[in-house]
Every structure is written in structure tokens, then in C-alpha cells.
Amino acid sequence: MNFLINFMIIGLFIFPFVAFIHETGHAFFLKLFGGKINEFSIGNGKILWKKNNFNIRNAYFAGGRVVANTINWMNTTQKTFFFLGGVLFNLICALVLDVTTGYEFGVFRHYLDSFIFVSYLNVFINLVPLTTIFGETDGKKLVKLYKR
């Protein structure tokens, strides 16, 4: 029973939170370079809840997206930071927690370790250049950007 509860907590709370941090990284660099966020979504599929440009979709544990009208106005360096923004935010968050937290969180330490692991995993998966059922990873977008 403990395994099932832990699995549900990791799947229903940790994965979406890691995705939120990842998408915040993309949104940060989009706004930093003067872009407009048309949509900030957690998850994929149909919209379950919407507030302004923020959406939570029915598969909210499966990634997310930041949508802009276009990024064609960005130069190559700006596009690179935009594509790597999510990975950078996940990596920084995981490293800070990994380095600064000890073993003082008691029963919550397991969830903190799971969060750190899922963050590192998200970094790795998003850097691999491939196409998933949800679209291209950030790594594939970078490869396409520099192949031009």
C-alpha cells in the first residue's frame, strides 16, 4: 500500500511540479527577450482548468508547453536560451536542493529525493534530440536550430 501511495504522490504532484519549473524556464527567457506568452500549460490533452493564459490539461502529469505567437524575431542566441530555459531551471533547482539539503526532512526526504531525481531525469530526456507523442524535445529543437 505504501508503494501505491508513494507512486501516486510522485505521479500526481512531483511530475507536474517539475513540469511547471521547466515551463517557467521557457517563459522566463521568452519574457526576458521581450516576447509575449500566449499560453502556459501544464500537461497535455484537453483543458481542465484555465485562468488567463495559464492552463492545466487533463494529462497534467505529462509535460507542458509555453506558446508564443512566434519566435522568428529572436536571434540564434536568444532561441538557444529559450529552448534551454526549461532544462536550465530544472537543473538549477535540482542542484540547489541536492547540494543544500541534508537528511533533515524526515518522511518528506523520500519525496524531496524523488523530486530531485525526476528533475535530473527531465533534464536528460529534454536534451535528447527526439520526437515524442507530445512533440519535439528541446534537444531536437536545438539540433534543428543549429543545422540551418
Foldseek 3Di string as FASTA:
>chain_A
DVVVVVVCCCQVPLLLVLLLLLLVQLVVLCVVVPFDWQAWEQADDDFPDDDRRYTYHPRRSPHIDTDTPDPVPPDLVSLLSNLCRSLVRLVVVLVCLVPPDDPPPPPCVVVNVSSSVVSVVLSVVLLDFDADPVGTRSNVVNVVSVVD
